[in-house]
Each structure stands twice: as C-alpha cells, then as structure tokens.
Amino acid sequence: MCLFCKIVNKEIPANIEMEDENFLAFHDINPKAPVHILVIPKQHVDSFNEVSAETMAGMTTFIQEVAEHVGIKESGYRLINNVGHNGGQEVKHLHWHVIGGAKLTFPHLTDADPKDFL
C-alpha cells in the first residue's frame, strides 16, 4: 500500500484540510509556499496517465473548493501535477499540489535554456 493510501486509511497521520467521500486534501510536509496542499483521490490511481475523466471532473470541483476554503481563490494559486520519474513524481498516487498564499515565481525556469535539456 502506498504512502497516500495509508493517509486515506488513517494509518499514518496527516494535517487534513478538507475531505469528502472521494477526495482528500492535506498539507504538504515540505511546503514550498505559505499554502501548500496536496489533493488526492481516495481511490488509488498511479498517476495522471491512468486517471479517468470522471475522477478528474470531481477532482476539479474539489480543488476549486479547497482553494476557496484556504483563502487563495481570489489571490491566485498554482496547480502542479508531476507524472513519472522524469516529471518528478515521488509518490505513485495521483496528487495535485495546490500552492499559493504569496506571489509565486518559476526560479528554475526563468533562465533555463532549452538546449541544456537536449
């Protein structure tokens, strides 16, 4: 069982922000901004590559509710989903990072030269 499934099953603790019958939102243990929430489906899905349109539709609404609940809906926020090893996915359970509460930058991309990746 993956780490996030253990959180869903309350086998390990998490700072839960919101929850419904299908989705869970909890604070990232290594936040990158004043607000850094992870949103996951309760049903295990490895990554975005495997998620159904139905699950994504429900997740979209839930993420919008989370943004409003934590007070970043109007000021703005960033959604990040990492897919696979090269995409930076560390936990093989679909999750979205909801990051906000401050003016966000792209420091690792600001001066990036695409040739460096070829």
PDB file of N, CA and C in Angstrom:
ATOM      1  N   MET A   1       0.849  -1.187   0.000  1.00  0.00           N
ATOM      2  CA  MET A   1       0.000   0.000   0.000  1.00  0.00           C
ATOM      3  C   MET A   1       0.886   1.239   0.000  1.00  0.00           C
ATOM      4  N   CYS A   2       0.536   2.213  -0.834  1.00  0.00           N
ATOM      5  CA  CYS A   2       1.363   3.418  -0.952  1.00  0.00           C
ATOM      6  C   CYS A   2       1.139   4.364   0.237  1.00  0.00           C
ATOM      7  N   LEU A   3       2.047   5.326   0.370  1.00  0.00           N
ATOM      8  CA  LEU A   3       2.003   6.298   1.454  1.00  0.00           C
ATOM      9  C   LEU A   3       0.669   7.033   1.515  1.00  0.00           C
ATOM     10  N   PHE A   4       0.171   7.504   0.362  1.00  0.00           N
ATOM     11  CA  PHE A   4      -1.062   8.280   0.361  1.00  0.00           C
ATOM     12  C   PHE A   4      -2.276   7.409   0.680  1.00  0.00           C
ATOM     13  N   CYS A   5      -2.255   6.156   0.272  1.00  0.00           N
ATOM     14  CA  CYS A   5      -3.345   5.246   0.643  1.00  0.00           C
ATOM     15  C   CYS A   5      -3.368   5.044   2.151  1.00  0.00           C
ATOM     16  N   LYS A   6      -2.196   5.006   2.770  1.00  0.00           N
ATOM     17  CA  LYS A   6      -2.125   4.883   4.231  1.00  0.00           C
ATOM     18  C   LYS A   6      -2.696   6.123   4.908  1.00  0.00           C
ATOM     19  N   ILE A   7      -2.486   7.297   4.307  1.00  0.00           N
ATOM     20  CA  ILE A   7      -3.085   8.524   4.840  1.00  0.00           C
ATOM     21  C   ILE A   7      -4.603   8.462   4.704  1.00  0.00           C
ATOM     22  N   VAL A   8      -5.092   8.031   3.540  1.00  0.00           N
ATOM     23  CA  VAL A   8      -6.536   7.888   3.321  1.00  0.00           C
ATOM     24  C   VAL A   8      -7.141   6.954   4.365  1.00  0.00           C
ATOM     25  N   ASN A   9      -6.447   5.848   4.656  1.00  0.00           N
ATOM     26  CA  ASN A   9      -6.939   4.852   5.611  1.00  0.00           C
ATOM     27  C   ASN A   9      -6.667   5.223   7.061  1.00  0.00           C
ATOM     28  N   LYS A  10      -6.094   6.420   7.288  1.00  0.00           N
ATOM     29  CA  LYS A  10      -5.783   6.923   8.633  1.00  0.00           C
ATOM     30  C   LYS A  10      -4.794   6.025   9.367  1.00  0.00           C
ATOM     31  N   GLU A  11      -3.935   5.344   8.594  1.00  0.00           N
ATOM     32  CA  GLU A  11      -2.890   4.516   9.190  1.00  0.00           C
ATOM     33  C   GLU A  11      -1.679   5.347   9.586  1.00  0.00           C
ATOM     34  N   ILE A  12      -1.490   6.474   8.922  1.00  0.00           N
ATOM     35  CA  ILE A  12      -0.465   7.425   9.313  1.00  0.00           C
ATOM     36  C   ILE A  12      -1.104   8.813   9.345  1.00  0.00           C
ATOM     37  N   PRO A  13      -0.615   9.683  10.233  1.00  0.00           N
ATOM     38  CA  PRO A  13      -1.262  10.989  10.396  1.00  0.00           C
ATOM     39  C   PRO A  13      -0.946  11.953   9.259  1.00  0.00           C
ATOM     40  N   ALA A  14      -1.846  12.887   9.070  1.00  0.00           N
ATOM     41  CA  ALA A  14      -1.666  13.983   8.114  1.00  0.00           C
ATOM     42  C   ALA A  14      -2.458  15.170   8.632  1.00  0.00           C
ATOM     43  N   ASN A  15      -2.027  16.357   8.257  1.00  0.00           N
ATOM     44  CA  ASN A  15      -2.743  17.582   8.611  1.00  0.00           C
ATOM     45  C   ASN A  15      -3.807  17.806   7.542  1.00  0.00           C
ATOM     46  N   ILE A  16      -4.972  17.225   7.755  1.00  0.00           N
ATOM     47  CA  ILE A  16      -6.047  17.242   6.761  1.00  0.00           C
ATOM     48  C   ILE A  16      -6.751  18.590   6.773  1.00  0.00           C
ATOM     49  N   GLU A  17      -6.918  19.135   5.585  1.00  0.00           N
ATOM     50  CA  GLU A  17      -7.591  20.426   5.413  1.00  0.00           C
ATOM     51  C   GLU A  17      -9.055  20.241   5.017  1.00  0.00           C
ATOM     52  N   MET A  18      -9.328  19.316   4.093  1.00  0.00           N
ATOM     53  CA  MET A  18     -10.691  19.034   3.632  1.00  0.00           C
ATOM     54  C   MET A  18     -10.777  17.582   3.208  1.00  0.00           C
ATOM     55  N   GLU A  19     -12.022  17.084   3.229  1.00  0.00           N
ATOM     56  CA  GLU A  19     -12.236  15.695   2.837  1.00  0.00           C
ATOM     57  C   GLU A  19     -13.693  15.517   2.446  1.00  0.00           C
ATOM     58  N   ASP A  20     -13.917  14.688   1.444  1.00  0.00           N
ATOM     59  CA  ASP A  20     -15.261  14.224   1.148  1.00  0.00           C
ATOM     60  C   ASP A  20     -15.174  12.732   0.869  1.00  0.00           C
ATOM     61  N   GLU A  21     -16.222  12.149   0.321  1.00  0.00           N
ATOM     62  CA  GLU A  21     -16.220  10.693   0.135  1.00  0.00           C
ATOM     63  C   GLU A  21     -15.225  10.223  -0.920  1.00  0.00           C
ATOM     64  N   ASN A  22     -14.795  11.107  -1.824  1.00  0.00           N
ATOM     65  CA  ASN A  22     -13.912  10.710  -2.918  1.00  0.00           C
ATOM     66  C   ASN A  22     -12.509  11.298  -2.887  1.00  0.00           C
ATOM     67  N   PHE A  23     -12.331  12.427  -2.196  1.00  0.00           N
ATOM     68  CA  PHE A  23     -11.057  13.145  -2.264  1.00  0.00           C
ATOM     69  C   PHE A  23     -10.604  13.597  -0.888  1.00  0.00           C
ATOM     70  N   LEU A  24      -9.297  13.822  -0.795  1.00  0.00           N
ATOM     71  CA  LEU A  24      -8.685  14.246   0.461  1.00  0.00           C
ATOM     72  C   LEU A  24      -7.690  15.359   0.158  1.00  0.00           C
ATOM     73  N   ALA A  25      -7.664  16.393   0.981  1.00  0.00           N
ATOM     74  CA  ALA A  25      -6.710  17.499   0.855  1.00  0.00           C
ATOM     75  C   ALA A  25      -5.975  17.637   2.178  1.00  0.00           C
ATOM     76  N   PHE A  26      -4.650  17.606   2.102  1.00  0.00           N
ATOM     77  CA  PHE A  26      -3.851  17.719   3.323  1.00  0.00           C
ATOM     78  C   PHE A  26      -2.596  18.539   3.044  1.00  0.00           C
ATOM     79  N   HIS A  27      -2.012  19.082   4.101  1.00  0.00           N
ATOM     80  CA  HIS A  27      -0.845  19.945   3.977  1.00  0.00           C
ATOM     81  C   HIS A  27       0.400  19.134   3.637  1.00  0.00           C
ATOM     82  N   ASP A  28       1.186  19.645   2.696  1.00  0.00           N
ATOM     83  CA  ASP A  28       2.457  19.032   2.334  1.00  0.00           C
ATOM     84  C   ASP A  28       3.409  19.149   3.524  1.00  0.00           C
ATOM     85  N   ILE A  29       4.184  18.097   3.799  1.00  0.00           N
ATOM     86  CA  ILE A  29       5.111  18.139   4.934  1.00  0.00           C
ATOM     87  C   ILE A  29       6.368  18.944   4.623  1.00  0.00           C
ATOM     88  N   ASN A  30       6.563  19.304   3.350  1.00  0.00           N
ATOM     89  CA  ASN A  30       7.707  20.116   2.942  1.00  0.00           C
ATOM     90  C   ASN A  30       7.193  21.265   2.066  1.00  0.00           C
ATOM     91  N   PRO A  31       6.468  22.222   2.686  1.00  0.00           N
ATOM     92  CA  PRO A  31       5.805  23.265   1.895  1.00  0.00           C
ATOM     93  C   PRO A  31       6.780  24.169   1.150  1.00  0.00           C
ATOM     94  N   LYS A  32       6.363  24.576  -0.053  1.00  0.00           N
ATOM     95  CA  LYS A  32       7.151  25.467  -0.905  1.00  0.00           C
ATOM     96  C   LYS A  32       6.579  26.879  -0.948  1.00  0.00           C
ATOM     97  N   ALA A  33       5.488  27.121  -0.223  1.00  0.00           N
ATOM     98  CA  ALA A  33       4.835  28.427  -0.161  1.00  0.00           C
ATOM     99  C   ALA A  33       4.004  28.461   1.120  1.00  0.00           C
ATOM    100  N   PRO A  34       3.478  29.626   1.494  1.00  0.00           N
ATOM    101  CA  PRO A  34       2.652  29.700   2.700  1.00  0.00           C
ATOM    102  C   PRO A  34       1.483  28.711   2.696  1.00  0.00           C
ATOM    103  N   VAL A  35       0.899  28.465   1.520  1.00  0.00           N
ATOM    104  CA  VAL A  35      -0.144  27.454   1.374  1.00  0.00           C
ATOM    105  C   VAL A  35       0.393  26.400   0.410  1.00  0.00           C
ATOM    106  N   HIS A  36       0.456  25.159   0.876  1.00  0.00           N
ATOM    107  CA  HIS A  36       0.899  24.051   0.025  1.00  0.00           C
ATOM    108  C   HIS A  36       0.110  22.813   0.435  1.00  0.00           C
ATOM    109  N   ILE A  37      -0.951  22.566  -0.306  1.00  0.00           N
ATOM    110  CA  ILE A  37      -1.889  21.478  -0.028  1.00  0.00           C
ATOM    111  C   ILE A  37      -1.744  20.411  -1.110  1.00  0.00           C
ATOM    112  N   LEU A  38      -1.812  19.159  -0.727  1.00  0.00           N
ATOM    113  CA  LEU A  38      -1.872  18.052  -1.676  1.00  0.00           C
ATOM    114  C   LEU A  38      -3.310  17.580  -1.762  1.00  0.00           C
ATOM    115  N   VAL A  39      -3.799  17.396  -2.978  1.00  0.00           N
ATOM    116  CA  VAL A  39      -5.158  16.894  -3.203  1.00  0.00           C
ATOM    117  C   VAL A  39      -5.044  15.564  -3.923  1.00  0.00           C
ATOM    118  N   ILE A  40      -5.695  14.542  -3.355  1.00  0.00           N
ATOM    119  CA  ILE A  40      -5.614  13.188  -3.912  1.00  0.00           C
ATOM    120  C   ILE A  40      -7.003  12.564  -4.012  1.00  0.00           C
ATOM    121  N   PRO A  41      -7.166  11.649  -4.957  1.00  0.00           N
ATOM    122  CA  PRO A  41      -8.375  10.826  -4.923  1.00  0.00           C
ATOM    123  C   PRO A  41      -8.182   9.767  -3.843  1.00  0.00           C
ATOM    124  N   LYS A  42      -9.237   9.402  -3.162  1.00  0.00           N
ATOM    125  CA  LYS A  42      -9.130   8.358  -2.144  1.00  0.00           C
ATOM    126  C   LYS A  42      -8.884   6.993  -2.781  1.00  0.00           C
ATOM    127  N   GLN A  43      -9.427   6.799  -3.950  1.00  0.00           N
ATOM    128  CA  GLN A  43      -9.176   5.556  -4.681  1.00  0.00           C
ATOM    129  C   GLN A  43      -7.784   5.667  -5.303  1.00  0.00           C
ATOM    130  N   HIS A  44      -6.983   4.628  -5.172  1.00  0.00           N
ATOM    131  CA  HIS A  44      -5.624   4.674  -5.703  1.00  0.00           C
ATOM    132  C   HIS A  44      -5.620   4.752  -7.231  1.00  0.00           C
ATOM    133  N   VAL A  45      -4.893   5.747  -7.736  1.00  0.00           N
ATOM    134  CA  VAL A  45      -4.607   5.913  -9.161  1.00  0.00           C
ATOM    135  C   VAL A  45      -3.126   6.256  -9.207  1.00  0.00           C
ATOM    136  N   ASP A  46      -2.338   5.507  -9.985  1.00  0.00           N
ATOM    137  CA  ASP A  46      -0.889   5.717 -10.001  1.00  0.00           C
ATOM    138  C   ASP A  46      -0.485   7.128 -10.404  1.00  0.00           C
ATOM    139  N   SER A  47      -1.063   7.637 -11.500  1.00  0.00           N
ATOM    140  CA  SER A  47      -0.646   8.949 -11.987  1.00  0.00           C
ATOM    141  C   SER A  47      -1.709   9.519 -12.923  1.00  0.00           C
ATOM    142  N   PHE A  48      -1.443  10.716 -13.405  1.00  0.00           N
ATOM    143  CA  PHE A  48      -2.345  11.366 -14.350  1.00  0.00           C
ATOM    144  C   PHE A  48      -2.556  10.512 -15.591  1.00  0.00           C
ATOM    145  N   ASN A  49      -1.573   9.712 -15.967  1.00  0.00           N
ATOM    146  CA  ASN A  49      -1.690   8.856 -17.147  1.00  0.00           C
ATOM    147  C   ASN A  49      -2.800   7.819 -17.018  1.00  0.00           C
ATOM    148  N   GLU A  50      -3.179   7.484 -15.810  1.00  0.00           N
ATOM    149  CA  GLU A  50      -4.180   6.445 -15.588  1.00  0.00           C
ATOM    150  C   GLU A  50      -5.535   6.975 -15.113  1.00  0.00           C
ATOM    151  N   VAL A  51      -5.658   8.258 -14.843  1.00  0.00           N
ATOM    152  CA  VAL A  51      -6.887   8.781 -14.240  1.00  0.00           C
ATOM    153  C   VAL A  51      -8.021   8.862 -15.260  1.00  0.00           C
ATOM    154  N   SER A  52      -9.229   8.580 -14.792  1.00  0.00           N
ATOM    155  CA  SER A  52     -10.408   8.677 -15.653  1.00  0.00           C
ATOM    156  C   SER A  52     -10.896  10.123 -15.721  1.00  0.00           C
ATOM    157  N   ALA A  53     -11.612  10.420 -16.785  1.00  0.00           N
ATOM    158  CA  ALA A  53     -12.199  11.750 -16.940  1.00  0.00           C
ATOM    159  C   ALA A  53     -13.189  12.023 -15.807  1.00  0.00           C
ATOM    160  N   GLU A  54     -13.916  11.008 -15.382  1.00  0.00           N
ATOM    161  CA  GLU A  54     -14.886  11.175 -14.298  1.00  0.00           C
ATOM    162  C   GLU A  54     -14.190  11.577 -12.993  1.00  0.00           C
ATOM    163  N   THR A  55     -13.083  10.912 -12.673  1.00  0.00           N
ATOM    164  CA  THR A  55     -12.343  11.268 -11.461  1.00  0.00           C
ATOM    165  C   THR A  55     -11.794  12.677 -11.568  1.00  0.00           C
ATOM    166  N   MET A  56     -11.253  13.042 -12.726  1.00  0.00           N
ATOM    167  CA  MET A  56     -10.711  14.392 -12.899  1.00  0.00           C
ATOM    168  C   MET A  56     -11.798  15.451 -12.781  1.00  0.00           C
ATOM    169  N   ALA A  57     -12.983  15.159 -13.276  1.00  0.00           N
ATOM    170  CA  ALA A  57     -14.085  16.123 -13.156  1.00  0.00           C
ATOM    171  C   ALA A  57     -14.394  16.390 -11.688  1.00  0.00           C
ATOM    172  N   GLY A  58     -14.487  15.340 -10.902  1.00  0.00           N
ATOM    173  CA  GLY A  58     -14.741  15.508  -9.471  1.00  0.00           C
ATOM    174  C   GLY A  58     -13.596  16.189  -8.761  1.00  0.00           C
ATOM    175  N   MET A  59     -12.388  15.856  -9.169  1.00  0.00           N
ATOM    176  CA  MET A  59     -11.207  16.446  -8.553  1.00  0.00           C
ATOM    177  C   MET A  59     -11.120  17.937  -8.847  1.00  0.00           C
ATOM    178  N   THR A  60     -11.524  18.339 -10.047  1.00  0.00           N
ATOM    179  CA  THR A  60     -11.510  19.752 -10.418  1.00  0.00           C
ATOM    180  C   THR A  60     -12.386  20.557  -9.462  1.00  0.00           C
ATOM    181  N   THR A  61     -13.590  20.099  -9.250  1.00  0.00           N
ATOM    182  CA  THR A  61     -14.502  20.791  -8.333  1.00  0.00           C
ATOM    183  C   THR A  61     -13.935  20.823  -6.921  1.00  0.00           C
ATOM    184  N   PHE A  62     -13.387  19.693  -6.477  1.00  0.00           N
ATOM    185  CA  PHE A  62     -12.826  19.609  -5.120  1.00  0.00           C
ATOM    186  C   PHE A  62     -11.644  20.571  -4.962  1.00  0.00           C
ATOM    187  N   ILE A  63     -10.761  20.642  -5.942  1.00  0.00           N
ATOM    188  CA  ILE A  63      -9.620  21.556  -5.871  1.00  0.00           C
ATOM    189  C   ILE A  63     -10.101  23.005  -5.800  1.00  0.00           C
ATOM    190  N   GLN A  64     -11.120  23.353  -6.568  1.00  0.00           N
ATOM    191  CA  GLN A  64     -11.670  24.714  -6.503  1.00  0.00           C
ATOM    192  C   GLN A  64     -12.226  25.006  -5.111  1.00  0.00           C
ATOM    193  N   GLU A  65     -12.874  24.031  -4.497  1.00  0.00           N
ATOM    194  CA  GLU A  65     -13.398  24.198  -3.136  1.00  0.00           C
ATOM    195  C   GLU A  65     -12.264  24.357  -2.129  1.00  0.00           C
ATOM    196  N   VAL A  66     -11.196  23.599  -2.302  1.00  0.00           N
ATOM    197  CA  VAL A  66     -10.032  23.707  -1.415  1.00  0.00           C
ATOM    198  C   VAL A  66      -9.432  25.110  -1.525  1.00  0.00           C
ATOM    199  N   ALA A  67      -9.249  25.611  -2.749  1.00  0.00           N
ATOM    200  CA  ALA A  67      -8.677  26.942  -2.944  1.00  0.00           C
ATOM    201  C   ALA A  67      -9.517  28.010  -2.239  1.00  0.00           C
ATOM    202  N   GLU A  68     -10.820  27.875  -2.328  1.00  0.00           N
ATOM    203  CA  GLU A  68     -11.685  28.832  -1.635  1.00  0.00           C
ATOM    204  C   GLU A  68     -11.579  28.664  -0.124  1.00  0.00           C
ATOM    205  N   HIS A  69     -11.582  27.442   0.335  1.00  0.00           N
ATOM    206  CA  HIS A  69     -11.531  27.135   1.775  1.00  0.00           C
ATOM    207  C   HIS A  69     -10.265  27.696   2.436  1.00  0.00           C
ATOM    208  N   VAL A  70      -9.122  27.618   1.749  1.00  0.00           N
ATOM    209  CA  VAL A  70      -7.869  28.086   2.347  1.00  0.00           C
ATOM    210  C   VAL A  70      -7.573  29.546   2.006  1.00  0.00           C
ATOM    211  N   GLY A  71      -8.499  30.212   1.286  1.00  0.00           N
ATOM    212  CA  GLY A  71      -8.413  31.649   1.064  1.00  0.00           C
ATOM    213  C   GLY A  71      -7.480  32.109  -0.042  1.00  0.00           C
ATOM    214  N   ILE A  72      -7.256  31.259  -1.061  1.00  0.00           N
ATOM    215  CA  ILE A  72      -6.369  31.671  -2.158  1.00  0.00           C
ATOM    216  C   ILE A  72      -7.085  31.740  -3.506  1.00  0.00           C
ATOM    217  N   LYS A  73      -8.375  31.524  -3.491  1.00  0.00           N
ATOM    218  CA  LYS A  73      -9.122  31.513  -4.756  1.00  0.00           C
ATOM    219  C   LYS A  73      -8.984  32.838  -5.504  1.00  0.00           C
ATOM    220  N   GLU A  74      -9.135  33.938  -4.820  1.00  0.00           N
ATOM    221  CA  GLU A  74      -9.104  35.255  -5.471  1.00  0.00           C
ATOM    222  C   GLU A  74      -7.689  35.748  -5.726  1.00  0.00           C
ATOM    223  N   SER A  75      -6.757  35.486  -4.818  1.00  0.00           N
ATOM    224  CA  SER A  75      -5.390  35.991  -4.980  1.00  0.00           C
ATOM    225  C   SER A  75      -4.597  35.191  -6.004  1.00  0.00           C
ATOM    226  N   GLY A  76      -4.971  33.934  -6.206  1.00  0.00           N
ATOM    227  CA  GLY A  76      -4.305  33.097  -7.197  1.00  0.00           C
ATOM    228  C   GLY A  76      -3.487  31.985  -6.567  1.00  0.00           C
ATOM    229  N   TYR A  77      -3.273  30.960  -7.367  1.00  0.00           N
ATOM    230  CA  TYR A  77      -2.538  29.791  -6.897  1.00  0.00           C
ATOM    231  C   TYR A  77      -2.020  29.010  -8.089  1.00  0.00           C
ATOM    232  N   ARG A  78      -1.155  28.083  -7.806  1.00  0.00           N
ATOM    233  CA  ARG A  78      -0.578  27.238  -8.848  1.00  0.00           C
ATOM    234  C   ARG A  78      -0.981  25.798  -8.576  1.00  0.00           C
ATOM    235  N   LEU A  79      -1.312  25.080  -9.656  1.00  0.00           N
ATOM    236  CA  LEU A  79      -1.583  23.644  -9.583  1.00  0.00           C
ATOM    237  C   LEU A  79      -0.433  22.930 -10.270  1.00  0.00           C
ATOM    238  N   ILE A  80       0.130  21.947  -9.585  1.00  0.00           N
ATOM    239  CA  ILE A  80       1.234  21.182 -10.153  1.00  0.00           C
ATOM    240  C   ILE A  80       0.908  19.704 -10.032  1.00  0.00           C
ATOM    241  N   ASN A  81       1.105  18.995 -11.127  1.00  0.00           N
ATOM    242  CA  ASN A  81       0.963  17.545 -11.139  1.00  0.00           C
ATOM    243  C   ASN A  81       2.193  16.972 -11.825  1.00  0.00           C
ATOM    244  N   ASN A  82       2.955  16.198 -11.095  1.00  0.00           N
ATOM    245  CA  ASN A  82       4.146  15.566 -11.642  1.00  0.00           C
ATOM    246  C   ASN A  82       3.791  14.156 -12.092  1.00  0.00           C
ATOM    247  N   VAL A  83       4.259  13.775 -13.279  1.00  0.00           N
ATOM    248  CA  VAL A  83       3.939  12.465 -13.836  1.00  0.00           C
ATOM    249  C   VAL A  83       5.228  11.703 -14.106  1.00  0.00           C
ATOM    250  N   GLY A  84       5.398  10.572 -13.456  1.00  0.00           N
ATOM    251  CA  GLY A  84       6.540   9.704 -13.704  1.00  0.00           C
ATOM    252  C   GLY A  84       7.854  10.224 -13.155  1.00  0.00           C
ATOM    253  N   HIS A  85       8.859   9.393 -13.272  1.00  0.00           N
ATOM    254  CA  HIS A  85      10.180   9.693 -12.723  1.00  0.00           C
ATOM    255  C   HIS A  85      10.761  10.990 -13.286  1.00  0.00           C
ATOM    256  N   ASN A  86      10.795  11.131 -14.601  1.00  0.00           N
ATOM    257  CA  ASN A  86      11.378  12.334 -15.200  1.00  0.00           C
ATOM    258  C   ASN A  86      10.544  13.580 -14.922  1.00  0.00           C
ATOM    259  N   GLY A  87       9.273  13.400 -14.629  1.00  0.00           N
ATOM    260  CA  GLY A  87       8.417  14.531 -14.293  1.00  0.00           C
ATOM    261  C   GLY A  87       8.500  14.932 -12.835  1.00  0.00           C
ATOM    262  N   GLY A  88       9.234  14.154 -12.039  1.00  0.00           N
ATOM    263  CA  GLY A  88       9.413  14.495 -10.630  1.00  0.00           C
ATOM    264  C   GLY A  88       8.412  13.872  -9.686  1.00  0.00           C
ATOM    265  N   GLN A  89       7.637  12.891 -10.143  1.00  0.00           N
ATOM    266  CA  GLN A  89       6.660  12.253  -9.268  1.00  0.00           C
ATOM    267  C   GLN A  89       7.376  11.388  -8.239  1.00  0.00           C
ATOM    268  N   GLU A  90       7.183  11.705  -6.960  1.00  0.00           N
ATOM    269  CA  GLU A  90       7.853  10.978  -5.888  1.00  0.00           C
ATOM    270  C   GLU A  90       6.965   9.916  -5.268  1.00  0.00           C
ATOM    271  N   VAL A  91       5.662  10.140  -5.244  1.00  0.00           N
ATOM    272  CA  VAL A  91       4.714   9.168  -4.696  1.00  0.00           C
ATOM    273  C   VAL A  91       3.828   8.703  -5.839  1.00  0.00           C
ATOM    274  N   LYS A  92       3.782   7.399  -6.061  1.00  0.00           N
ATOM    275  CA  LYS A  92       2.967   6.847  -7.159  1.00  0.00           C
ATOM    276  C   LYS A  92       1.505   6.755  -6.717  1.00  0.00           C
ATOM    277  N   HIS A  93       0.904   7.895  -6.557  1.00  0.00           N
ATOM    278  CA  HIS A  93      -0.529   8.058  -6.275  1.00  0.00           C
ATOM    279  C   HIS A  93      -0.846   9.445  -6.804  1.00  0.00           C
ATOM    280  N   LEU A  94      -1.783   9.532  -7.726  1.00  0.00           N
ATOM    281  CA  LEU A  94      -2.140  10.815  -8.321  1.00  0.00           C
ATOM    282  C   LEU A  94      -2.320  11.865  -7.241  1.00  0.00           C
ATOM    283  N   HIS A  95      -1.646  12.993  -7.403  1.00  0.00           N
ATOM    284  CA  HIS A  95      -1.819  14.103  -6.467  1.00  0.00           C
ATOM    285  C   HIS A  95      -1.506  15.419  -7.151  1.00  0.00           C
ATOM    286  N   TRP A  96      -2.251  16.419  -6.736  1.00  0.00           N
ATOM    287  CA  TRP A  96      -2.066  17.779  -7.222  1.00  0.00           C
ATOM    288  C   TRP A  96      -1.546  18.624  -6.076  1.00  0.00           C
ATOM    289  N   HIS A  97      -0.525  19.425  -6.346  1.00  0.00           N
ATOM    290  CA  HIS A  97      -0.028  20.400  -5.392  1.00  0.00           C
ATOM    291  C   HIS A  97      -0.827  21.679  -5.635  1.00  0.00           C
ATOM    292  N   VAL A  98      -1.461  22.190  -4.604  1.00  0.00           N
ATOM    293  CA  VAL A  98      -2.171  23.473  -4.656  1.00  0.00           C
ATOM    294  C   VAL A  98      -1.310  24.431  -3.845  1.00  0.00           C
ATOM    295  N   ILE A  99      -0.665  25.367  -4.548  1.00  0.00           N
ATOM    296  CA  ILE A  99       0.344  26.219  -3.919  1.00  0.00           C
ATOM    297  C   ILE A  99      -0.055  27.677  -4.083  1.00  0.00           C
ATOM    298  N   GLY A 100      -0.011  28.432  -2.988  1.00  0.00           N
ATOM    299  CA  GLY A 100      -0.363  29.848  -3.052  1.00  0.00           C
ATOM    300  C   GLY A 100      -0.040  30.564  -1.763  1.00  0.00           C
ATOM    301  N   GLY A 101      -0.707  31.692  -1.578  1.00  0.00           N
ATOM    302  CA  GLY A 101      -0.506  32.495  -0.380  1.00  0.00           C
ATOM    303  C   GLY A 101       0.610  33.508  -0.509  1.00  0.00           C
ATOM    304  N   ALA A 102       1.233  33.590  -1.696  1.00  0.00           N
ATOM    305  CA  ALA A 102       2.299  34.548  -1.963  1.00  0.00           C
ATOM    306  C   ALA A 102       2.456  34.659  -3.479  1.00  0.00           C
ATOM    307  N   LYS A 103       3.164  35.683  -3.935  1.00  0.00           N
ATOM    308  CA  LYS A 103       3.483  35.821  -5.356  1.00  0.00           C
ATOM    309  C   LYS A 103       4.479  34.721  -5.706  1.00  0.00           C
ATOM    310  N   LEU A 104       4.112  33.860  -6.636  1.00  0.00           N
ATOM    311  CA  LEU A 104       4.933  32.703  -6.986  1.00  0.00           C
ATOM    312  C   LEU A 104       5.793  33.002  -8.209  1.00  0.00           C
ATOM    313  N   THR A 105       6.981  32.429  -8.228  1.00  0.00           N
ATOM    314  CA  THR A 105       7.904  32.598  -9.350  1.00  0.00           C
ATOM    315  C   THR A 105       8.252  31.221  -9.914  1.00  0.00           C
ATOM    316  N   PHE A 106       8.977  31.217 -11.002  1.00  0.00           N
ATOM    317  CA  PHE A 106       9.498  30.000 -11.622  1.00  0.00           C
ATOM    318  C   PHE A 106      11.031  30.094 -11.638  1.00  0.00           C
ATOM    319  N   PRO A 107      11.696  30.088 -10.490  1.00  0.00           N
ATOM    320  CA  PRO A 107      13.141  30.322 -10.489  1.00  0.00           C
ATOM    321  C   PRO A 107      13.929  29.304 -11.308  1.00  0.00           C
ATOM    322  N   HIS A 108      13.498  28.061 -11.330  1.00  0.00           N
ATOM    323  CA  HIS A 108      14.231  27.039 -12.076  1.00  0.00           C
ATOM    324  C   HIS A 108      13.991  27.122 -13.578  1.00  0.00           C
ATOM    325  N   LEU A 109      13.014  27.895 -14.018  1.00  0.00           N
ATOM    326  CA  LEU A 109      12.733  28.030 -15.440  1.00  0.00           C
ATOM    327  C   LEU A 109      13.049  29.419 -15.992  1.00  0.00           C
ATOM    328  N   THR A 110      13.213  30.388 -15.123  1.00  0.00           N
ATOM    329  CA  THR A 110      13.401  31.767 -15.551  1.00  0.00           C
ATOM    330  C   THR A 110      14.552  31.919 -16.535  1.00  0.00           C
ATOM    331  N   ASP A 111      15.693  31.351 -16.203  1.00  0.00           N
ATOM    332  CA  ASP A 111      16.867  31.489 -17.054  1.00  0.00           C
ATOM    333  C   ASP A 111      17.220  30.197 -17.774  1.00  0.00           C
ATOM    334  N   ALA A 112      16.281  29.270 -17.837  1.00  0.00           N
ATOM    335  CA  ALA A 112      16.560  27.980 -18.453  1.00  0.00           C
ATOM    336  C   ALA A 112      16.741  28.122 -19.965  1.00  0.00           C
ATOM    337  N   ASP A 113      17.721  27.428 -20.466  1.00  0.00           N
ATOM    338  CA  ASP A 113      17.963  27.375 -21.898  1.00  0.00           C
ATOM    339  C   ASP A 113      17.563  25.990 -22.371  1.00  0.00           C
ATOM    340  N   PRO A 114      16.592  25.883 -23.258  1.00  0.00           N
ATOM    341  CA  PRO A 114      16.139  24.554 -23.716  1.00  0.00           C
ATOM    342  C   PRO A 114      17.269  23.665 -24.224  1.00  0.00           C
ATOM    343  N   LYS A 115      18.325  24.258 -24.744  1.00  0.00           N
ATOM    344  CA  LYS A 115      19.459  23.470 -25.236  1.00  0.00           C
ATOM    345  C   LYS A 115      20.121  22.678 -24.115  1.00  0.00           C
ATOM    346  N   ASP A 116      19.991  23.158 -22.876  1.00  0.00           N
ATOM    347  CA  ASP A 116      20.583  22.449 -21.750  1.00  0.00           C
ATOM    348  C   ASP A 116      19.903  21.103 -21.496  1.00  0.00           C
ATOM    349  N   PHE A 117      18.726  20.921 -22.035  1.00  0.00           N
ATOM    350  CA  PHE A 117      17.970  19.693 -21.804  1.00  0.00           C
ATOM    351  C   PHE A 117      18.063  18.726 -22.983  1.00  0.00           C
ATOM    352  N   LEU A 118      18.682  19.135 -24.056  1.00  0.00           N
ATOM    353  CA  LEU A 118      18.775  18.299 -25.257  1.00  0.00           C
ATOM    354  C   LEU A 118      20.058  17.512 -25.287  1.00  0.00           C
TER     355      LEU A 118
END
